[in-house]
Amino acid sequence: MENNDFEFKPLPEIPGQEDYALPDAEGPVPAGFNERFVAYVVDSLPFVLATYSTLKLAVGAGLFPYTTANEWLWKFLWMGLYVVYEAVFSSGGRATLGKYMMNIRVKARDGSDLSFPRAFVRAVAYFLSSATFNLGYLAALVTENKRALHDFVAGSRVISVRERSDWAGGLVLAASWGMMVILGGTWLNNTVLKVTPYEKKQIIEAHRTISKLARLEEIYLRREGHYTNDLRTLANLTGNVNAVRAELFKTLEPDTLMISSNGRKFQITAKAKNWRKTEVQVLSKVDAPSSSLMP
């Protein structure tokens, strides 16, 4: 049996239902480590370069003499300017140049704009993240919402404000790792590979020792008309073989001294007692007359 009056009608609205709209499944996307690192380099590198360039200009202009204490005071001045820059442009919804380029922003943990006091604490805490052998920065790789140590200190987090395409993400990744290699190499060169004042002293002492042997070669040349490769013969010229032996032991790495001579020229090489065993060398300045070498 047909019923032409049968139809569907919408149900009446339930009072208060509009207050229970489904929230977004996901909040703001946390900024990745690579884009944060690129932003950090873009923001901090100008301050590093300005520190050393202006120090050189200030010393050259005679504003103050160069001393280690003055150098550190100058560095602290520029570090203070960097902290203020980070605090101002990381608060109130603003962005530093690096963060603007990477489309990331610093927010409070609840998602609101970061206040200036918290942004100031966060900027100072950068040095805490560095002091932990940079583990404070690397924490952003493993923590919830990718928060670094300075984010935990200041109650902040860093979010992305624009989705990045695959090719742009690859470019950021390449730039980040490239910067890490350059900065890591610079750090190694200025710390592990840099010759310390104590090492420099060891190298100078080693060179001074073989230079004394070179002078003995010159004395031997004047007496005999040619050079020698016999260390004992050279030591006997001093009249104090034990003193020669003691100095060699003190300044040269054992079993590295080599005296090469064809009678007309000589070459003395050895290695200093620094940890990397730097080689030192002295060559003859004057050739022995060829007539003295004839049988």
Protein backbone atom coordinates (compact mmCIF):
# COMPACT_ATOMS: atom_id res chain seq x y z
CA MET A 1 0.00 0.00 0.00
CA GLU A 2 1.42 3.37 -0.95
CA ASN A 3 1.59 6.36 1.36
CA ASN A 4 2.36 9.53 -0.60
CA ASP A 5 2.38 11.59 2.60
CA PHE A 6 5.48 9.79 3.99
CA GLU A 7 8.57 12.04 4.03
CA PHE A 8 11.75 12.59 6.02
CA LYS A 9 12.01 15.71 8.15
CA PRO A 10 15.12 17.03 9.92
CA LEU A 11 15.30 16.40 13.63
CA PRO A 12 15.01 19.42 15.87
CA GLU A 13 18.29 20.83 17.13
CA ILE A 14 19.42 19.67 20.55
CA PRO A 15 19.97 22.67 22.83
CA GLY A 16 23.69 23.30 23.48
CA GLN A 17 24.86 21.03 20.67
CA GLU A 18 26.65 23.91 18.93
CA ASP A 19 28.98 24.14 21.94
CA TYR A 20 30.39 20.69 21.22
CA ALA A 21 31.91 21.24 17.79
CA LEU A 22 34.70 18.80 17.10
CA PRO A 23 38.12 20.31 17.74
CA ASP A 24 40.92 20.11 15.19
CA ALA A 25 42.53 16.69 15.30
CA GLU A 26 45.98 18.26 15.21
CA GLY A 27 47.40 21.47 16.62
CA PRO A 28 50.20 23.56 15.09
CA VAL A 29 52.94 21.44 13.56
CA PRO A 30 56.20 21.56 15.58
CA ALA A 31 59.10 23.01 13.64
CA GLY A 32 61.71 20.44 12.64
CA PHE A 33 65.31 20.41 13.86
CA ASN A 34 66.78 21.23 10.44
CA GLU A 35 64.72 24.35 9.82
CA ARG A 36 65.41 25.53 13.37
CA PHE A 37 69.13 25.01 12.88
CA VAL A 38 69.19 26.98 9.62
CA ALA A 39 67.27 29.80 11.31
CA TYR A 40 69.73 29.78 14.22
CA VAL A 41 72.73 30.06 11.90
CA VAL A 42 71.13 32.87 9.87
CA ASP A 43 70.41 34.79 13.08
CA SER A 44 73.65 34.21 14.95
CA LEU A 45 76.30 34.27 12.19
CA PRO A 46 76.08 38.05 11.56
CA PHE A 47 76.70 38.67 15.26
CA VAL A 48 79.72 36.34 15.28
CA LEU A 49 81.21 38.03 12.22
CA ALA A 50 80.49 41.49 13.62
CA THR A 51 82.16 40.58 16.93
CA TYR A 52 85.55 39.83 15.36
CA SER A 53 85.45 42.45 12.61
CA THR A 54 84.55 45.30 14.97
CA LEU A 55 87.10 44.10 17.53
CA LYS A 56 89.80 44.36 14.89
CA LEU A 57 88.60 47.83 13.87
CA ALA A 58 88.38 49.03 17.47
CA VAL A 59 91.90 47.86 18.32
CA GLY A 60 93.24 49.29 15.07
CA ALA A 61 91.61 52.65 15.81
CA GLY A 62 93.26 52.71 19.24
CA LEU A 63 90.01 52.61 21.25
CA PHE A 64 91.63 50.06 23.57
CA PRO A 65 94.68 47.77 23.49
CA TYR A 66 94.25 44.14 22.58
CA THR A 67 94.24 41.88 25.61
CA THR A 68 92.42 38.63 26.32
CA ALA A 69 90.28 40.43 28.90
CA ASN A 70 89.30 43.16 26.41
CA GLU A 71 88.50 40.55 23.78
CA TRP A 72 86.11 38.76 26.15
CA LEU A 73 84.47 42.03 27.21
CA TRP A 74 83.86 42.80 23.55
CA LYS A 75 82.41 39.32 23.00
CA PHE A 76 80.08 39.71 25.99
CA LEU A 77 78.88 43.02 24.55
CA TRP A 78 77.88 41.41 21.27
CA MET A 79 76.41 38.37 23.03
CA GLY A 80 74.21 40.79 24.98
CA LEU A 81 73.06 42.43 21.75
CA TYR A 82 72.27 39.01 20.32
CA VAL A 83 70.19 38.09 23.38
CA VAL A 84 68.19 41.34 23.08
CA TYR A 85 67.65 40.73 19.36
CA GLU A 86 66.38 37.20 19.98
CA ALA A 87 64.16 38.31 22.86
CA VAL A 88 62.54 41.18 20.95
CA PHE A 89 61.86 39.27 17.75
CA SER A 90 60.86 35.97 19.37
CA SER A 91 58.17 37.60 21.52
CA GLY A 92 54.76 39.06 20.70
CA GLY A 93 54.25 36.91 17.62
CA ARG A 94 57.24 38.46 15.83
CA ALA A 95 60.03 36.53 14.12
CA THR A 96 63.78 36.91 13.74
CA LEU A 97 65.15 37.02 10.19
CA GLY A 98 66.07 33.34 10.25
CA LYS A 99 62.72 32.23 11.66
CA TYR A 100 60.88 34.45 9.16
CA MET A 101 62.78 32.85 6.28
CA MET A 102 62.01 29.36 7.59
CA ASN A 103 58.34 30.21 8.31
CA ILE A 104 58.61 29.24 11.95
CA ARG A 105 57.57 31.11 15.09
CA VAL A 106 58.24 30.85 18.81
CA LYS A 107 55.11 30.42 20.91
CA ALA A 108 54.33 29.79 24.55
CA ARG A 109 53.63 26.20 25.45
CA ASP A 110 49.84 26.84 25.39
CA GLY A 111 50.07 28.29 21.87
CA SER A 112 49.83 31.96 22.80
CA ASP A 113 52.42 34.56 21.84
CA LEU A 114 55.56 34.40 23.95
CA SER A 115 56.02 37.31 26.35
CA PHE A 116 59.20 39.38 26.28
CA PRO A 117 60.44 38.17 29.71
CA ARG A 118 60.04 34.54 28.66
CA ALA A 119 61.68 35.27 25.32
CA PHE A 120 64.58 36.91 27.15
CA VAL A 121 65.01 33.85 29.39
CA ARG A 122 64.83 31.65 26.31
CA ALA A 123 67.57 33.64 24.55
CA VAL A 124 69.86 33.48 27.59
CA ALA A 125 69.18 29.73 27.85
CA TYR A 126 70.73 29.29 24.39
CA PHE A 127 74.06 29.39 26.17
CA LEU A 128 72.86 26.65 28.53
CA SER A 129 72.01 24.47 25.52
CA SER A 130 75.51 25.16 24.16
CA ALA A 131 77.22 24.50 27.49
CA THR A 132 75.83 20.95 27.55
CA PHE A 133 78.04 20.07 24.54
CA ASN A 134 75.09 21.17 22.35
CA LEU A 135 72.96 18.34 23.72
CA GLY A 136 70.42 21.00 24.68
CA TYR A 137 69.85 21.73 21.00
CA LEU A 138 69.83 18.05 20.03
CA ALA A 139 67.02 17.47 22.52
CA ALA A 140 64.69 18.88 19.84
CA LEU A 141 65.26 15.66 17.91
CA VAL A 142 63.78 13.37 20.56
CA THR A 143 61.47 15.33 22.86
CA GLU A 144 57.73 15.81 22.57
CA ASN A 145 56.81 18.69 20.25
CA LYS A 146 60.53 18.88 19.34
CA ARG A 147 61.40 21.16 22.22
CA ALA A 148 65.04 22.03 22.95
CA LEU A 149 66.47 22.60 26.43
CA HIS A 150 65.98 26.37 26.20
CA ASP A 151 62.32 25.75 25.28
CA PHE A 152 61.81 23.78 28.49
CA VAL A 153 63.52 26.53 30.50
CA ALA A 154 61.33 29.28 29.01
CA GLY A 155 58.10 27.28 28.61
CA SER A 156 58.12 27.75 24.84
CA ARG A 157 57.86 25.75 21.67
CA VAL A 158 58.58 26.44 18.01
CA ILE A 159 55.93 25.83 15.35
CA SER A 160 55.74 25.93 11.56
CA VAL A 161 53.29 28.49 10.19
CA ARG A 162 53.34 27.29 6.59
CA GLU A 163 53.52 23.86 5.03
CA ARG A 164 56.72 23.27 3.08
CA SER A 165 56.83 21.41 -0.24
CA ASP A 166 58.96 18.30 -0.64
CA TRP A 167 61.63 20.07 -2.70
CA ALA A 168 61.77 22.97 -0.23
CA GLY A 169 62.09 20.49 2.64
CA GLY A 170 64.95 18.77 0.82
CA LEU A 171 66.66 22.12 0.29
CA VAL A 172 66.39 22.95 4.00
CA LEU A 173 67.78 19.50 4.87
CA ALA A 174 70.76 19.96 2.53
CA ALA A 175 71.44 23.48 3.84
CA SER A 176 71.22 22.30 7.45
CA TRP A 177 73.66 19.42 7.04
CA GLY A 178 75.99 21.55 4.94
CA MET A 179 76.11 24.16 7.69
CA MET A 180 76.71 21.46 10.31
CA VAL A 181 79.70 20.14 8.37
CA ILE A 182 81.18 23.63 7.96
CA LEU A 183 80.64 24.61 11.59
CA GLY A 184 81.88 21.22 12.82
CA GLY A 185 85.03 21.54 10.73
CA THR A 186 85.60 25.08 11.98
CA TRP A 187 85.20 23.94 15.58
CA LEU A 188 87.67 21.08 15.09
CA ASN A 189 90.18 23.39 13.44
CA ASN A 190 89.94 25.94 16.24
CA THR A 191 90.03 23.45 19.11
CA VAL A 192 91.34 19.94 18.51
CA LEU A 193 93.55 20.79 15.52
CA LYS A 194 94.72 24.20 16.68
CA VAL A 195 98.29 24.37 17.95
CA THR A 196 98.14 25.37 21.60
CA PRO A 197 100.73 27.72 23.14
CA TYR A 198 102.27 24.77 24.99
CA GLU A 199 102.52 22.76 21.76
CA LYS A 200 104.05 25.75 20.00
CA LYS A 201 106.67 25.91 22.75
CA GLN A 202 107.47 22.21 22.27
CA ILE A 203 107.87 22.69 18.51
CA ILE A 204 110.13 25.72 18.99
CA GLU A 205 112.30 23.80 21.45
CA ALA A 206 112.62 20.87 19.03
CA HIS A 207 113.60 23.20 16.20
CA ARG A 208 116.12 24.95 18.45
CA THR A 209 117.74 21.59 19.28
CA ILE A 210 118.27 20.51 15.69
CA SER A 211 119.45 24.04 14.84
CA LYS A 212 122.23 23.50 17.38
CA LEU A 213 123.16 20.31 15.54
CA ALA A 214 123.20 22.33 12.33
CA ARG A 215 125.70 24.75 13.87
CA LEU A 216 127.84 21.78 14.86
CA GLU A 217 127.72 20.66 11.22
CA GLU A 218 129.06 24.08 10.21
CA ILE A 219 131.87 23.79 12.74
CA TYR A 220 132.69 20.33 11.43
CA LEU A 221 132.71 21.70 7.86
CA ARG A 222 135.27 24.35 8.78
CA ARG A 223 137.49 21.69 10.38
CA GLU A 224 137.15 18.84 7.93
CA GLY A 225 135.95 20.51 4.75
CA HIS A 226 132.75 18.47 4.52
CA TYR A 227 129.61 17.58 6.47
CA THR A 228 128.92 14.38 8.39
CA ASN A 229 125.88 12.26 9.20
CA ASP A 230 127.36 10.87 12.43
CA LEU A 231 125.60 12.20 15.53
CA ARG A 232 128.32 11.02 17.92
CA THR A 233 130.96 12.94 15.95
CA LEU A 234 128.88 16.10 16.19
CA ALA A 235 128.23 15.59 19.92
CA ASN A 236 131.96 15.16 20.57
CA LEU A 237 132.52 18.67 19.19
CA THR A 238 130.70 20.12 22.23
CA GLY A 239 132.94 18.35 24.74
CA ASN A 240 129.83 17.30 26.66
CA VAL A 241 128.13 14.33 25.01
CA ASN A 242 125.84 13.73 28.00
CA ALA A 243 124.42 17.25 27.77
CA VAL A 244 123.66 16.73 24.07
CA ARG A 245 122.01 13.39 24.83
CA ALA A 246 119.90 14.97 27.61
CA GLU A 247 118.64 17.79 25.38
CA LEU A 248 117.75 15.40 22.58
CA PHE A 249 115.76 13.27 25.01
CA LYS A 250 114.00 16.31 26.47
CA THR A 251 112.90 18.02 23.25
CA LEU A 252 112.68 15.34 20.53
CA GLU A 253 110.42 12.33 20.15
CA PRO A 254 112.56 9.19 20.61
CA ASP A 255 113.94 7.52 17.49
CA THR A 256 112.85 10.34 15.15
CA LEU A 257 116.14 12.22 14.72
CA MET A 258 117.66 11.72 11.26
CA ILE A 259 120.85 13.32 9.92
CA SER A 260 121.35 12.82 6.21
CA SER A 261 124.48 14.06 4.43
CA ASN A 262 126.40 13.36 1.25
CA GLY A 263 129.34 15.39 2.54
CA ARG A 264 128.39 18.47 0.54
CA LYS A 265 124.94 19.11 2.02
CA PHE A 266 123.02 17.95 5.06
CA GLN A 267 119.45 17.63 6.21
CA ILE A 268 118.38 17.20 9.83
CA THR A 269 114.82 16.17 10.64
CA ALA A 270 113.09 15.17 13.86
CA LYS A 271 109.68 15.23 15.53
CA ALA A 272 108.72 17.41 18.45
CA LYS A 273 107.27 15.94 21.64
CA ASN A 274 103.82 17.45 21.17
CA TRP A 275 100.89 15.03 20.91
CA ARG A 276 100.73 15.24 17.11
CA LYS A 277 104.53 14.80 16.77
CA THR A 278 105.11 17.78 14.50
CA GLU A 279 108.11 17.35 12.21
CA VAL A 280 110.88 19.97 12.29
CA GLN A 281 113.68 20.29 9.74
CA VAL A 282 116.93 22.16 9.14
CA LEU A 283 118.85 22.21 5.85
CA SER A 284 122.42 23.21 5.16
CA LYS A 285 122.80 26.85 4.10
CA VAL A 286 126.21 26.52 2.45
CA ASP A 287 127.45 23.68 0.28
CA ALA A 288 130.81 22.14 1.11
CA PRO A 289 133.45 22.78 -1.57
CA SER A 290 133.51 19.95 -4.06
CA SER A 291 137.30 19.82 -3.97
CA SER A 292 137.22 18.65 -0.36
CA LEU A 293 135.21 15.60 -1.37
CA MET A 294 137.74 14.34 -3.92
CA PRO A 295 139.73 11.23 -2.87
